[in-house]
């Protein structure tokens, strides 16, 4: 008799990737502050490269006007 799978099938990592956790870090999500620290330098660099400072100031002023400040 054939075996029957019950429930959702779980994907397994390939054996060569199974033990690749950096510095013993647990699998899962990272802390939001760490994610923010990773993203902010990239965002500032993109703003500087593409001249987005004026657009950022204009958008901030528009939001402040909508709030009423």
C-alpha atoms as a PDB file:
ATOM      1  CA  UNK A   1       0.000   0.000   0.000  1.00  0.00           C
ATOM      2  CA  UNK A   2       1.259   3.483  -0.848  1.00  0.00           C
ATOM      3  CA  UNK A   3       1.988   5.965   1.888  1.00  0.00           C
ATOM      4  CA  UNK A   4      -0.301   8.948   2.164  1.00  0.00           C
ATOM      5  CA  UNK A   5       0.873  12.436   3.009  1.00  0.00           C
ATOM      6  CA  UNK A   6      -1.269  14.314   5.469  1.00  0.00           C
ATOM      7  CA  UNK A   7      -1.001  18.051   5.860  1.00  0.00           C
ATOM      8  CA  UNK A   8       1.094  20.495   3.913  1.00  0.00           C
ATOM      9  CA  UNK A   9       4.411  19.328   2.538  1.00  0.00           C
ATOM     10  CA  UNK A  10       7.452  21.080   3.999  1.00  0.00           C
ATOM     11  CA  UNK A  11      10.378  21.946   1.797  1.00  0.00           C
ATOM     12  CA  UNK A  12      13.775  20.853   3.016  1.00  0.00           C
ATOM     13  CA  UNK A  13      16.963  22.781   2.467  1.00  0.00           C
ATOM     14  CA  UNK A  14      19.655  21.077   0.406  1.00  0.00           C
ATOM     15  CA  UNK A  15      22.193  19.282   2.561  1.00  0.00           C
ATOM     16  CA  UNK A  16      25.010  21.684   1.598  1.00  0.00           C
ATOM     17  CA  UNK A  17      22.977  24.641   2.887  1.00  0.00           C
ATOM     18  CA  UNK A  18      21.522  22.967   5.959  1.00  0.00           C
ATOM     19  CA  UNK A  19      24.390  23.911   8.260  1.00  0.00           C
ATOM     20  CA  UNK A  20      25.028  27.447   6.956  1.00  0.00           C
ATOM     21  CA  UNK A  21      23.724  29.625   9.756  1.00  0.00           C
ATOM     22  CA  UNK A  22      26.052  32.629  10.165  1.00  0.00           C
ATOM     23  CA  UNK A  23      27.813  32.549  13.528  1.00  0.00           C
ATOM     24  CA  UNK A  24      25.208  30.233  15.012  1.00  0.00           C
ATOM     25  CA  UNK A  25      22.393  32.760  14.589  1.00  0.00           C
ATOM     26  CA  UNK A  26      18.926  31.303  14.949  1.00  0.00           C
ATOM     27  CA  UNK A  27      16.795  31.113  11.838  1.00  0.00           C
ATOM     28  CA  UNK A  28      13.925  33.584  11.632  1.00  0.00           C
ATOM     29  CA  UNK A  29      13.421  37.314  11.357  1.00  0.00           C
ATOM     30  CA  UNK A  30      15.910  39.968  12.393  1.00  0.00           C
ATOM     31  CA  UNK A  31      15.250  42.738  14.858  1.00  0.00           C
ATOM     32  CA  UNK A  32      13.560  45.812  13.291  1.00  0.00           C
ATOM     33  CA  UNK A  33      16.345  48.126  14.498  1.00  0.00           C
ATOM     34  CA  UNK A  34      18.925  45.973  12.708  1.00  0.00           C
ATOM     35  CA  UNK A  35      16.838  46.039   9.530  1.00  0.00           C
ATOM     36  CA  UNK A  36      16.516  49.819   9.798  1.00  0.00           C
ATOM     37  CA  UNK A  37      20.280  50.186  10.299  1.00  0.00           C
ATOM     38  CA  UNK A  38      20.830  48.171   7.139  1.00  0.00           C
ATOM     39  CA  UNK A  39      18.341  50.126   5.020  1.00  0.00           C
ATOM     40  CA  UNK A  40      19.006  53.724   6.072  1.00  0.00           C
ATOM     41  CA  UNK A  41      22.522  54.029   4.581  1.00  0.00           C
ATOM     42  CA  UNK A  42      21.228  52.693   1.270  1.00  0.00           C
ATOM     43  CA  UNK A  43      18.308  55.132   1.334  1.00  0.00           C
ATOM     44  CA  UNK A  44      20.583  58.096   2.066  1.00  0.00           C
ATOM     45  CA  UNK A  45      22.938  57.051  -0.716  1.00  0.00           C
ATOM     46  CA  UNK A  46      20.087  56.812  -3.213  1.00  0.00           C
ATOM     47  CA  UNK A  47      18.741  60.196  -2.136  1.00  0.00           C
ATOM     48  CA  UNK A  48      22.167  61.773  -2.613  1.00  0.00           C
ATOM     49  CA  UNK A  49      22.863  60.086  -5.966  1.00  0.00           C
ATOM     50  CA  UNK A  50      19.540  60.900  -7.586  1.00  0.00           C
ATOM     51  CA  UNK A  51      18.972  64.342  -6.099  1.00  0.00           C
ATOM     52  CA  UNK A  52      16.054  63.325  -3.970  1.00  0.00           C
ATOM     53  CA  UNK A  53      16.663  65.811  -1.155  1.00  0.00           C
ATOM     54  CA  UNK A  54      14.399  68.429  -2.765  1.00  0.00           C
ATOM     55  CA  UNK A  55      11.679  65.874  -3.386  1.00  0.00           C
ATOM     56  CA  UNK A  56      11.943  64.608   0.187  1.00  0.00           C
ATOM     57  CA  UNK A  57      11.622  68.145   1.556  1.00  0.00           C
ATOM     58  CA  UNK A  58       8.639  68.885  -0.707  1.00  0.00           C
ATOM     59  CA  UNK A  59       6.885  65.666   0.283  1.00  0.00           C
ATOM     60  CA  UNK A  60       7.559  66.264   3.983  1.00  0.00           C
ATOM     61  CA  UNK A  61       6.112  69.773   3.741  1.00  0.00           C
ATOM     62  CA  UNK A  62       3.028  68.458   1.956  1.00  0.00           C
ATOM     63  CA  UNK A  63       2.430  65.835   4.653  1.00  0.00           C
ATOM     64  CA  UNK A  64       2.954  68.420   7.381  1.00  0.00           C
ATOM     65  CA  UNK A  65       0.412  70.717   5.685  1.00  0.00           C
ATOM     66  CA  UNK A  66      -2.095  67.844   5.528  1.00  0.00           C
ATOM     67  CA  UNK A  67      -1.631  67.162   9.228  1.00  0.00           C
ATOM     68  CA  UNK A  68      -1.993  70.853   9.932  1.00  0.00           C
ATOM     69  CA  UNK A  69       1.371  71.678  11.434  1.00  0.00           C
END
